[in-house]
Amino acid sequence: GRFTISRDKAKSTVYLEMNSLKADDTAVYFCAASPVPSEAVG
């Protein structure tokens, strides 16, 4: 409801649009690639 993930295939780029940011969102953000969509770090 606050963040939106999207991609631009022509530019080989993925985006994370972050809205209504709060203090708990403070962190180092990492981009990662997986064979399939997953919530697991591994």
PDB file of all heavy atoms in Angstrom:
ATOM      1  N   GLY A   1       0.799  -1.209   0.000  1.00  0.00           N
ATOM      2  CA  GLY A   1       0.000   0.000   0.000  1.00  0.00           C
ATOM      3  C   GLY A   1       0.834   1.263   0.000  1.00  0.00           C
ATOM      4  O   GLY A   1       0.305   2.347  -0.290  1.00  0.00           O
ATOM      5  N   ARG A   2       2.123   1.151   0.331  1.00  0.00           N
ATOM      6  CA  ARG A   2       3.019   2.302   0.343  1.00  0.00           C
ATOM      7  C   ARG A   2       4.115   2.203  -0.714  1.00  0.00           C
ATOM      8  O   ARG A   2       4.520   3.221  -1.275  1.00  0.00           O
ATOM      9  CB  ARG A   2       3.668   2.464   1.717  1.00  0.00           C
ATOM     10  CG  ARG A   2       2.684   2.691   2.851  1.00  0.00           C
ATOM     11  CD  ARG A   2       3.409   3.061   4.136  1.00  0.00           C
ATOM     12  NE  ARG A   2       4.299   2.003   4.603  1.00  0.00           N
ATOM     13  CZ  ARG A   2       5.607   2.147   4.775  1.00  0.00           C
ATOM     14  NH1 ARG A   2       6.193   3.314   4.530  1.00  0.00           N
ATOM     15  NH2 ARG A   2       6.339   1.128   5.212  1.00  0.00           N
ATOM     16  N   PHE A   3       4.611   0.998  -0.953  1.00  0.00           N
ATOM     17  CA  PHE A   3       5.702   0.786  -1.906  1.00  0.00           C
ATOM     18  C   PHE A   3       5.171   0.113  -3.167  1.00  0.00           C
ATOM     19  O   PHE A   3       4.241  -0.693  -3.113  1.00  0.00           O
ATOM     20  CB  PHE A   3       6.791  -0.106  -1.308  1.00  0.00           C
ATOM     21  CG  PHE A   3       7.575   0.512  -0.179  1.00  0.00           C
ATOM     22  CD1 PHE A   3       7.209   1.713   0.394  1.00  0.00           C
ATOM     23  CD2 PHE A   3       8.699  -0.136   0.311  1.00  0.00           C
ATOM     24  CE1 PHE A   3       7.933   2.271   1.435  1.00  0.00           C
ATOM     25  CE2 PHE A   3       9.439   0.404   1.346  1.00  0.00           C
ATOM     26  CZ  PHE A   3       9.053   1.604   1.910  1.00  0.00           C
ATOM     27  N   THR A   4       5.793   0.414  -4.292  1.00  0.00           N
ATOM     28  CA  THR A   4       5.447  -0.205  -5.560  1.00  0.00           C
ATOM     29  C   THR A   4       6.714  -0.637  -6.282  1.00  0.00           C
ATOM     30  O   THR A   4       7.621   0.169  -6.480  1.00  0.00           O
ATOM     31  CB  THR A   4       4.649   0.754  -6.457  1.00  0.00           C
ATOM     32  OG1 THR A   4       3.461   1.175  -5.784  1.00  0.00           O
ATOM     33  CG2 THR A   4       4.270   0.063  -7.767  1.00  0.00           C
ATOM     34  N   ILE A   5       6.769  -1.910  -6.676  1.00  0.00           N
ATOM     35  CA  ILE A   5       7.887  -2.408  -7.452  1.00  0.00           C
ATOM     36  C   ILE A   5       7.487  -2.446  -8.923  1.00  0.00           C
ATOM     37  O   ILE A   5       6.363  -2.817  -9.260  1.00  0.00           O
ATOM     38  CB  ILE A   5       8.356  -3.803  -6.963  1.00  0.00           C
ATOM     39  CG1 ILE A   5       9.645  -4.219  -7.669  1.00  0.00           C
ATOM     40  CG2 ILE A   5       7.265  -4.851  -7.162  1.00  0.00           C
ATOM     41  CD1 ILE A   5      10.293  -5.465  -7.063  1.00  0.00           C
ATOM     42  N   SER A   6       8.394  -2.055  -9.789  1.00  0.00           N
ATOM     43  CA  SER A   6       8.138  -2.063 -11.218  1.00  0.00           C
ATOM     44  C   SER A   6       9.447  -2.300 -11.956  1.00  0.00           C
ATOM     45  O   SER A   6      10.520  -2.289 -11.349  1.00  0.00           O
ATOM     46  CB  SER A   6       7.488  -0.752 -11.673  1.00  0.00           C
ATOM     47  OG  SER A   6       8.345   0.347 -11.427  1.00  0.00           O
ATOM     48  N   ARG A   7       9.342  -2.526 -13.248  1.00  0.00           N
ATOM     49  CA  ARG A   7      10.548  -2.753 -14.036  1.00  0.00           C
ATOM     50  C   ARG A   7      10.411  -2.156 -15.432  1.00  0.00           C
ATOM     51  O   ARG A   7       9.302  -2.007 -15.951  1.00  0.00           O
ATOM     52  CB  ARG A   7      10.889  -4.250 -14.137  1.00  0.00           C
ATOM     53  CG  ARG A   7      10.128  -5.013 -15.223  1.00  0.00           C
ATOM     54  CD  ARG A   7       8.709  -5.318 -14.793  1.00  0.00           C
ATOM     55  NE  ARG A   7       7.974  -6.026 -15.834  1.00  0.00           N
ATOM     56  CZ  ARG A   7       7.324  -5.436 -16.830  1.00  0.00           C
ATOM     57  NH1 ARG A   7       7.316  -4.107 -16.921  1.00  0.00           N
ATOM     58  NH2 ARG A   7       6.680  -6.161 -17.724  1.00  0.00           N
ATOM     59  N   ASP A   8      11.529  -1.809 -16.006  1.00  0.00           N
ATOM     60  CA  ASP A   8      11.614  -1.320 -17.372  1.00  0.00           C
ATOM     61  C   ASP A   8      12.487  -2.306 -18.125  1.00  0.00           C
ATOM     62  O   ASP A   8      13.709  -2.297 -17.980  1.00  0.00           O
ATOM     63  CB  ASP A   8      12.205   0.089 -17.412  1.00  0.00           C
ATOM     64  CG  ASP A   8      12.181   0.697 -18.797  1.00  0.00           C
ATOM     65  OD1 ASP A   8      12.272  -0.047 -19.790  1.00  0.00           O
ATOM     66  OD2 ASP A   8      12.086   1.933 -18.893  1.00  0.00           O
ATOM     67  N   LYS A   9      11.865  -3.180 -18.904  1.00  0.00           N
ATOM     68  CA  LYS A   9      12.610  -4.227 -19.580  1.00  0.00           C
ATOM     69  C   LYS A   9      13.617  -3.666 -20.584  1.00  0.00           C
ATOM     70  O   LYS A   9      14.714  -4.205 -20.728  1.00  0.00           O
ATOM     71  CB  LYS A   9      11.647  -5.188 -20.275  1.00  0.00           C
ATOM     72  CG  LYS A   9      10.818  -6.033 -19.312  1.00  0.00           C
ATOM     73  CD  LYS A   9      10.006  -7.079 -20.039  1.00  0.00           C
ATOM     74  CE  LYS A   9       8.875  -6.447 -20.825  1.00  0.00           C
ATOM     75  NZ  LYS A   9       7.999  -7.478 -21.442  1.00  0.00           N
ATOM     76  N   ALA A  10      13.250  -2.591 -21.264  1.00  0.00           N
ATOM     77  CA  ALA A  10      14.143  -2.007 -22.252  1.00  0.00           C
ATOM     78  C   ALA A  10      15.421  -1.485 -21.611  1.00  0.00           C
ATOM     79  O   ALA A  10      16.487  -1.516 -22.230  1.00  0.00           O
ATOM     80  CB  ALA A  10      13.436  -0.891 -23.015  1.00  0.00           C
ATOM     81  N   LYS A  11      15.323  -0.992 -20.377  1.00  0.00           N
ATOM     82  CA  LYS A  11      16.480  -0.450 -19.673  1.00  0.00           C
ATOM     83  C   LYS A  11      17.105  -1.448 -18.706  1.00  0.00           C
ATOM     84  O   LYS A  11      18.087  -1.115 -18.036  1.00  0.00           O
ATOM     85  CB  LYS A  11      16.084   0.809 -18.905  1.00  0.00           C
ATOM     86  CG  LYS A  11      15.609   1.951 -19.789  1.00  0.00           C
ATOM     87  CD  LYS A  11      15.243   3.168 -18.955  1.00  0.00           C
ATOM     88  CE  LYS A  11      14.792   4.309 -19.826  1.00  0.00           C
ATOM     89  NZ  LYS A  11      14.409   5.507 -19.028  1.00  0.00           N
ATOM     90  N   SER A  12      16.547  -2.664 -18.624  1.00  0.00           N
ATOM     91  CA  SER A  12      17.025  -3.691 -17.687  1.00  0.00           C
ATOM     92  C   SER A  12      17.131  -3.127 -16.277  1.00  0.00           C
ATOM     93  O   SER A  12      18.128  -3.334 -15.576  1.00  0.00           O
ATOM     94  CB  SER A  12      18.371  -4.256 -18.152  1.00  0.00           C
ATOM     95  OG  SER A  12      18.238  -4.909 -19.394  1.00  0.00           O
ATOM     96  N   THR A  13      16.090  -2.421 -15.857  1.00  0.00           N
ATOM     97  CA  THR A  13      16.096  -1.727 -14.579  1.00  0.00           C
ATOM     98  C   THR A  13      14.821  -2.033 -13.804  1.00  0.00           C
ATOM     99  O   THR A  13      13.731  -2.050 -14.374  1.00  0.00           O
ATOM    100  CB  THR A  13      16.224  -0.212 -14.779  1.00  0.00           C
ATOM    101  OG1 THR A  13      17.439   0.067 -15.478  1.00  0.00           O
ATOM    102  CG2 THR A  13      16.222   0.514 -13.449  1.00  0.00           C
ATOM    103  N   VAL A  14      14.961  -2.266 -12.506  1.00  0.00           N
ATOM    104  CA  VAL A  14      13.824  -2.451 -11.615  1.00  0.00           C
ATOM    105  C   VAL A  14      13.793  -1.280 -10.638  1.00  0.00           C
ATOM    106  O   VAL A  14      14.846  -0.780 -10.229  1.00  0.00           O
ATOM    107  CB  VAL A  14      13.891  -3.808 -10.880  1.00  0.00           C
ATOM    108  CG1 VAL A  14      15.128  -3.893  -9.995  1.00  0.00           C
ATOM    109  CG2 VAL A  14      12.631  -4.037 -10.063  1.00  0.00           C
ATOM    110  N   TYR A  15      12.594  -0.842 -10.268  1.00  0.00           N
ATOM    111  CA  TYR A  15      12.418   0.321  -9.405  1.00  0.00           C
ATOM    112  C   TYR A  15      11.653  -0.056  -8.148  1.00  0.00           C
ATOM    113  O   TYR A  15      10.876  -1.010  -8.123  1.00  0.00           O
ATOM    114  CB  TYR A  15      11.655   1.427 -10.130  1.00  0.00           C
ATOM    115  CG  TYR A  15      12.287   1.874 -11.425  1.00  0.00           C
ATOM    116  CD1 TYR A  15      11.885   1.330 -12.636  1.00  0.00           C
ATOM    117  CD2 TYR A  15      13.284   2.840 -11.431  1.00  0.00           C
ATOM    118  CE1 TYR A  15      12.462   1.735 -13.828  1.00  0.00           C
ATOM    119  CE2 TYR A  15      13.862   3.251 -12.620  1.00  0.00           C
ATOM    120  CZ  TYR A  15      13.451   2.702 -13.814  1.00  0.00           C
ATOM    121  OH  TYR A  15      14.018   3.103 -14.994  1.00  0.00           O
ATOM    122  N   LEU A  16      11.864   0.712  -7.110  1.00  0.00           N
ATOM    123  CA  LEU A  16      11.060   0.631  -5.905  1.00  0.00           C
ATOM    124  C   LEU A  16      10.601   2.042  -5.562  1.00  0.00           C
ATOM    125  O   LEU A  16      11.405   2.863  -5.114  1.00  0.00           O
ATOM    126  CB  LEU A  16      11.838   0.024  -4.737  1.00  0.00           C
ATOM    127  CG  LEU A  16      11.017  -0.214  -3.468  1.00  0.00           C
ATOM    128  CD1 LEU A  16       9.995  -1.321  -3.690  1.00  0.00           C
ATOM    129  CD2 LEU A  16      11.933  -0.564  -2.291  1.00  0.00           C
ATOM    130  N   GLU A  17       9.325   2.319  -5.804  1.00  0.00           N
ATOM    131  CA  GLU A  17       8.738   3.610  -5.471  1.00  0.00           C
ATOM    132  C   GLU A  17       8.236   3.542  -4.039  1.00  0.00           C
ATOM    133  O   GLU A  17       7.382   2.712  -3.724  1.00  0.00           O
ATOM    134  CB  GLU A  17       7.598   3.940  -6.428  1.00  0.00           C
ATOM    135  CG  GLU A  17       7.034   5.335  -6.278  1.00  0.00           C
ATOM    136  CD  GLU A  17       7.949   6.402  -6.848  1.00  0.00           C
ATOM    137  OE1 GLU A  17       8.641   6.125  -7.847  1.00  0.00           O
ATOM    138  OE2 GLU A  17       7.971   7.525  -6.300  1.00  0.00           O
ATOM    139  N   MET A  18       8.758   4.396  -3.180  1.00  0.00           N
ATOM    140  CA  MET A  18       8.431   4.373  -1.763  1.00  0.00           C
ATOM    141  C   MET A  18       7.693   5.649  -1.400  1.00  0.00           C
ATOM    142  O   MET A  18       8.205   6.750  -1.614  1.00  0.00           O
ATOM    143  CB  MET A  18       9.700   4.232  -0.921  1.00  0.00           C
ATOM    144  CG  MET A  18      10.537   3.015  -1.285  1.00  0.00           C
ATOM    145  SD  MET A  18      11.972   2.785  -0.207  1.00  0.00           S
ATOM    146  CE  MET A  18      12.936   4.233  -0.649  1.00  0.00           C
ATOM    147  N   ASN A  19       6.504   5.497  -0.854  1.00  0.00           N
ATOM    148  CA  ASN A  19       5.671   6.617  -0.437  1.00  0.00           C
ATOM    149  C   ASN A  19       5.336   6.497   1.042  1.00  0.00           C
ATOM    150  O   ASN A  19       5.450   5.427   1.636  1.00  0.00           O
ATOM    151  CB  ASN A  19       4.386   6.668  -1.261  1.00  0.00           C
ATOM    152  CG  ASN A  19       4.635   6.826  -2.737  1.00  0.00           C
ATOM    153  OD1 ASN A  19       5.361   7.725  -3.157  1.00  0.00           O
ATOM    154  ND2 ASN A  19       4.029   5.962  -3.545  1.00  0.00           N
ATOM    155  N   SER A  20       4.889   7.604   1.626  1.00  0.00           N
ATOM    156  CA  SER A  20       4.510   7.638   3.043  1.00  0.00           C
ATOM    157  C   SER A  20       5.590   7.027   3.919  1.00  0.00           C
ATOM    158  O   SER A  20       5.321   6.210   4.800  1.00  0.00           O
ATOM    159  CB  SER A  20       3.170   6.917   3.248  1.00  0.00           C
ATOM    160  OG  SER A  20       2.146   7.510   2.480  1.00  0.00           O
ATOM    161  N   LEU A  21       6.813   7.430   3.693  1.00  0.00           N
ATOM    162  CA  LEU A  21       7.944   6.860   4.416  1.00  0.00           C
ATOM    163  C   LEU A  21       7.886   7.199   5.903  1.00  0.00           C
ATOM    164  O   LEU A  21       7.417   8.278   6.291  1.00  0.00           O
ATOM    165  CB  LEU A  21       9.255   7.356   3.821  1.00  0.00           C
ATOM    166  CG  LEU A  21       9.633   6.694   2.493  1.00  0.00           C
ATOM    167  CD1 LEU A  21      10.680   7.520   1.763  1.00  0.00           C
ATOM    168  CD2 LEU A  21      10.143   5.278   2.745  1.00  0.00           C
ATOM    169  N   LYS A  22       8.374   6.277   6.714  1.00  0.00           N
ATOM    170  CA  LYS A  22       8.420   6.454   8.150  1.00  0.00           C
ATOM    171  C   LYS A  22       9.783   6.025   8.665  1.00  0.00           C
ATOM    172  O   LYS A  22      10.575   5.421   7.950  1.00  0.00           O
ATOM    173  CB  LYS A  22       7.302   5.660   8.833  1.00  0.00           C
ATOM    174  CG  LYS A  22       7.254   4.197   8.463  1.00  0.00           C
ATOM    175  CD  LYS A  22       6.031   3.517   9.062  1.00  0.00           C
ATOM    176  CE  LYS A  22       5.964   2.052   8.697  1.00  0.00           C
ATOM    177  NZ  LYS A  22       4.765   1.400   9.279  1.00  0.00           N
ATOM    178  N   ALA A  23      10.049   6.323   9.933  1.00  0.00           N
ATOM    179  CA  ALA A  23      11.360   6.055  10.507  1.00  0.00           C
ATOM    180  C   ALA A  23      11.729   4.577  10.436  1.00  0.00           C
ATOM    181  O   ALA A  23      12.905   4.242  10.266  1.00  0.00           O
ATOM    182  CB  ALA A  23      11.415   6.545  11.951  1.00  0.00           C
ATOM    183  N   ASP A  24      10.746   3.688  10.558  1.00  0.00           N
ATOM    184  CA  ASP A  24      11.014   2.257  10.512  1.00  0.00           C
ATOM    185  C   ASP A  24      11.504   1.785   9.150  1.00  0.00           C
ATOM    186  O   ASP A  24      11.987   0.658   9.027  1.00  0.00           O
ATOM    187  CB  ASP A  24       9.763   1.465  10.903  1.00  0.00           C
ATOM    188  CG  ASP A  24       9.439   1.551  12.378  1.00  0.00           C
ATOM    189  OD1 ASP A  24      10.288   2.018  13.154  1.00  0.00           O
ATOM    190  OD2 ASP A  24       8.325   1.142  12.759  1.00  0.00           O
ATOM    191  N   ASP A  25      11.380   2.617   8.130  1.00  0.00           N
ATOM    192  CA  ASP A  25      11.866   2.265   6.804  1.00  0.00           C
ATOM    193  C   ASP A  25      13.360   2.512   6.649  1.00  0.00           C
ATOM    194  O   ASP A  25      13.942   2.152   5.622  1.00  0.00           O
ATOM    195  CB  ASP A  25      11.112   3.048   5.724  1.00  0.00           C
ATOM    196  CG  ASP A  25       9.640   2.692   5.670  1.00  0.00           C
ATOM    197  OD1 ASP A  25       9.310   1.493   5.791  1.00  0.00           O
ATOM    198  OD2 ASP A  25       8.816   3.612   5.500  1.00  0.00           O
ATOM    199  N   THR A  26      13.987   3.133   7.624  1.00  0.00           N
ATOM    200  CA  THR A  26      15.415   3.407   7.565  1.00  0.00           C
ATOM    201  C   THR A  26      16.197   2.100   7.512  1.00  0.00           C
ATOM    202  O   THR A  26      16.055   1.240   8.382  1.00  0.00           O
ATOM    203  CB  THR A  26      15.862   4.233   8.774  1.00  0.00           C
ATOM    204  OG1 THR A  26      15.241   5.520   8.729  1.00  0.00           O
ATOM    205  CG2 THR A  26      17.373   4.410   8.776  1.00  0.00           C
ATOM    206  N   ALA A  27      17.018   1.939   6.477  1.00  0.00           N
ATOM    207  CA  ALA A  27      17.779   0.709   6.284  1.00  0.00           C
ATOM    208  C   ALA A  27      18.646   0.848   5.047  1.00  0.00           C
ATOM    209  O   ALA A  27      18.509   1.798   4.277  1.00  0.00           O
ATOM    210  CB  ALA A  27      16.834  -0.493   6.130  1.00  0.00           C
ATOM    211  N   VAL A  28      19.533  -0.122   4.863  1.00  0.00           N
ATOM    212  CA  VAL A  28      20.214  -0.287   3.591  1.00  0.00           C
ATOM    213  C   VAL A  28      19.330  -1.162   2.720  1.00  0.00           C
ATOM    214  O   VAL A  28      18.938  -2.255   3.128  1.00  0.00           O
ATOM    215  CB  VAL A  28      21.605  -0.926   3.760  1.00  0.00           C
ATOM    216  CG1 VAL A  28      22.248  -1.163   2.399  1.00  0.00           C
ATOM    217  CG2 VAL A  28      22.494  -0.039   4.620  1.00  0.00           C
ATOM    218  N   TYR A  29      19.022  -0.698   1.527  1.00  0.00           N
ATOM    219  CA  TYR A  29      18.157  -1.424   0.613  1.00  0.00           C
ATOM    220  C   TYR A  29      18.992  -2.115  -0.453  1.00  0.00           C
ATOM    221  O   TYR A  29      19.857  -1.499  -1.076  1.00  0.00           O
ATOM    222  CB  TYR A  29      17.147  -0.474  -0.033  1.00  0.00           C
ATOM    223  CG  TYR A  29      16.023  -0.106   0.898  1.00  0.00           C
ATOM    224  CD1 TYR A  29      16.246   0.736   1.981  1.00  0.00           C
ATOM    225  CD2 TYR A  29      14.742  -0.620   0.707  1.00  0.00           C
ATOM    226  CE1 TYR A  29      15.224   1.059   2.857  1.00  0.00           C
ATOM    227  CE2 TYR A  29      13.709  -0.300   1.576  1.00  0.00           C
ATOM    228  CZ  TYR A  29      13.958   0.538   2.649  1.00  0.00           C
ATOM    229  OH  TYR A  29      12.932   0.859   3.511  1.00  0.00           O
ATOM    230  N   PHE A  30      18.709  -3.408  -0.658  1.00  0.00           N
ATOM    231  CA  PHE A  30      19.448  -4.228  -1.602  1.00  0.00           C
ATOM    232  C   PHE A  30      18.544  -4.715  -2.719  1.00  0.00           C
ATOM    233  O   PHE A  30      17.407  -5.124  -2.475  1.00  0.00           O
ATOM    234  CB  PHE A  30      20.052  -5.457  -0.911  1.00  0.00           C
ATOM    235  CG  PHE A  30      21.075  -5.140   0.133  1.00  0.00           C
ATOM    236  CD1 PHE A  30      20.704  -4.944   1.450  1.00  0.00           C
ATOM    237  CD2 PHE A  30      22.413  -5.051  -0.203  1.00  0.00           C
ATOM    238  CE1 PHE A  30      21.644  -4.661   2.425  1.00  0.00           C
ATOM    239  CE2 PHE A  30      23.369  -4.771   0.760  1.00  0.00           C
ATOM    240  CZ  PHE A  30      22.982  -4.575   2.075  1.00  0.00           C
ATOM    241  N   CYS A  31      19.050  -4.696  -3.917  1.00  0.00           N
ATOM    242  CA  CYS A  31      18.418  -5.324  -5.065  1.00  0.00           C
ATOM    243  C   CYS A  31      18.985  -6.724  -5.226  1.00  0.00           C
ATOM    244  O   CYS A  31      20.173  -6.952  -4.984  1.00  0.00           O
ATOM    245  CB  CYS A  31      18.674  -4.487  -6.318  1.00  0.00           C
ATOM    246  SG  CYS A  31      18.003  -5.154  -7.850  1.00  0.00           S
ATOM    247  N   ALA A  32      18.147  -7.690  -5.621  1.00  0.00           N
ATOM    248  CA  ALA A  32      18.596  -9.068  -5.763  1.00  0.00           C
ATOM    249  C   ALA A  32      17.851  -9.763  -6.901  1.00  0.00           C
ATOM    250  O   ALA A  32      16.760  -9.348  -7.283  1.00  0.00           O
ATOM    251  CB  ALA A  32      18.389  -9.833  -4.457  1.00  0.00           C
ATOM    252  N   ALA A  33      18.456 -10.835  -7.417  1.00  0.00           N
ATOM    253  CA  ALA A  33      17.886 -11.600  -8.525  1.00  0.00           C
ATOM    254  C   ALA A  33      17.701 -13.054  -8.120  1.00  0.00           C
ATOM    255  O   ALA A  33      18.589 -13.654  -7.501  1.00  0.00           O
ATOM    256  CB  ALA A  33      18.772 -11.505  -9.757  1.00  0.00           C
ATOM    257  N   SER A  34      16.546 -13.622  -8.487  1.00  0.00           N
ATOM    258  CA  SER A  34      16.186 -14.991  -8.160  1.00  0.00           C
ATOM    259  C   SER A  34      15.615 -15.690  -9.387  1.00  0.00           C
ATOM    260  O   SER A  34      15.020 -15.038 -10.247  1.00  0.00           O
ATOM    261  CB  SER A  34      15.150 -15.005  -7.030  1.00  0.00           C
ATOM    262  OG  SER A  34      14.609 -16.299  -6.833  1.00  0.00           O
ATOM    263  N   PRO A  35      15.740 -17.023  -9.481  1.00  0.00           N
ATOM    264  CA  PRO A  35      15.124 -17.739 -10.607  1.00  0.00           C
ATOM    265  C   PRO A  35      13.610 -17.556 -10.669  1.00  0.00           C
ATOM    266  O   PRO A  35      13.044 -17.564 -11.759  1.00  0.00           O
ATOM    267  CB  PRO A  35      15.498 -19.198 -10.343  1.00  0.00           C
ATOM    268  CG  PRO A  35      16.757 -19.120  -9.546  1.00  0.00           C
ATOM    269  CD  PRO A  35      16.573 -17.927  -8.654  1.00  0.00           C
ATOM    270  N   VAL A  36      12.950 -17.409  -9.495  1.00  0.00           N
ATOM    271  CA  VAL A  36      11.512 -17.216  -9.428  1.00  0.00           C
ATOM    272  C   VAL A  36      11.199 -16.212  -8.339  1.00  0.00           C
ATOM    273  O   VAL A  36      12.004 -16.013  -7.419  1.00  0.00           O
ATOM    274  CB  VAL A  36      10.759 -18.536  -9.151  1.00  0.00           C
ATOM    275  CG1 VAL A  36      10.948 -19.529 -10.285  1.00  0.00           C
ATOM    276  CG2 VAL A  36      11.233 -19.141  -7.833  1.00  0.00           C
ATOM    277  N   PRO A  37      10.032 -15.555  -8.394  1.00  0.00           N
ATOM    278  CA  PRO A  37       9.665 -14.638  -7.316  1.00  0.00           C
ATOM    279  C   PRO A  37       9.619 -15.359  -5.978  1.00  0.00           C
ATOM    280  O   PRO A  37       9.066 -16.454  -5.864  1.00  0.00           O
ATOM    281  CB  PRO A  37       8.272 -14.145  -7.729  1.00  0.00           C
ATOM    282  CG  PRO A  37       8.231 -14.327  -9.211  1.00  0.00           C
ATOM    283  CD  PRO A  37       9.018 -15.570  -9.472  1.00  0.00           C
ATOM    284  N   SER A  38      10.197 -14.754  -4.951  1.00  0.00           N
ATOM    285  CA  SER A  38      10.267 -15.379  -3.643  1.00  0.00           C
ATOM    286  C   SER A  38      10.442 -14.334  -2.565  1.00  0.00           C
ATOM    287  O   SER A  38      11.000 -13.261  -2.810  1.00  0.00           O
ATOM    288  CB  SER A  38      11.420 -16.384  -3.587  1.00  0.00           C
ATOM    289  OG  SER A  38      11.556 -16.940  -2.295  1.00  0.00           O
ATOM    290  N   GLU A  39       9.972 -14.650  -1.350  1.00  0.00           N
ATOM    291  CA  GLU A  39      10.170 -13.804  -0.184  1.00  0.00           C
ATOM    292  C   GLU A  39      11.393 -14.226   0.624  1.00  0.00           C
ATOM    293  O   GLU A  39      11.748 -13.561   1.597  1.00  0.00           O
ATOM    294  CB  GLU A  39       8.931 -13.838   0.727  1.00  0.00           C
ATOM    295  CG  GLU A  39       7.664 -13.343   0.053  1.00  0.00           C
ATOM    296  CD  GLU A  39       6.452 -13.418   0.957  1.00  0.00           C
ATOM    297  OE1 GLU A  39       6.606 -13.768   2.146  1.00  0.00           O
ATOM    298  OE2 GLU A  39       5.340 -13.127   0.484  1.00  0.00           O
ATOM    299  N   ALA A  40      12.043 -15.306   0.234  1.00  0.00           N
ATOM    300  CA  ALA A  40      13.140 -15.884   1.002  1.00  0.00           C
ATOM    301  C   ALA A  40      14.486 -15.350   0.539  1.00  0.00           C
ATOM    302  O   ALA A  40      14.810 -15.392  -0.647  1.00  0.00           O
ATOM    303  CB  ALA A  40      13.112 -17.402   0.896  1.00  0.00           C
ATOM    304  N   VAL A  41      15.279 -14.886   1.492  1.00  0.00           N
ATOM    305  CA  VAL A  41      16.614 -14.391   1.184  1.00  0.00           C
ATOM    306  C   VAL A  41      17.441 -15.443   0.456  1.00  0.00           C
ATOM    307  O   VAL A  41      18.160 -15.146  -0.499  1.00  0.00           O
ATOM    308  CB  VAL A  41      17.332 -13.948   2.470  1.00  0.00           C
ATOM    309  CG1 VAL A  41      18.810 -13.670   2.202  1.00  0.00           C
ATOM    310  CG2 VAL A  41      16.663 -12.721   3.056  1.00  0.00           C
ATOM    311  N   GLY A  42      17.322 -16.712   0.897  1.00  0.00           N
ATOM    312  CA  GLY A  42      18.116 -17.786   0.337  1.00  0.00           C
ATOM    313  C   GLY A  42      17.810 -18.118  -1.107  1.00  0.00           C
ATOM    314  O   GLY A  42      18.595 -18.821  -1.751  1.00  0.00           O
TER     315      GLY A  42
END
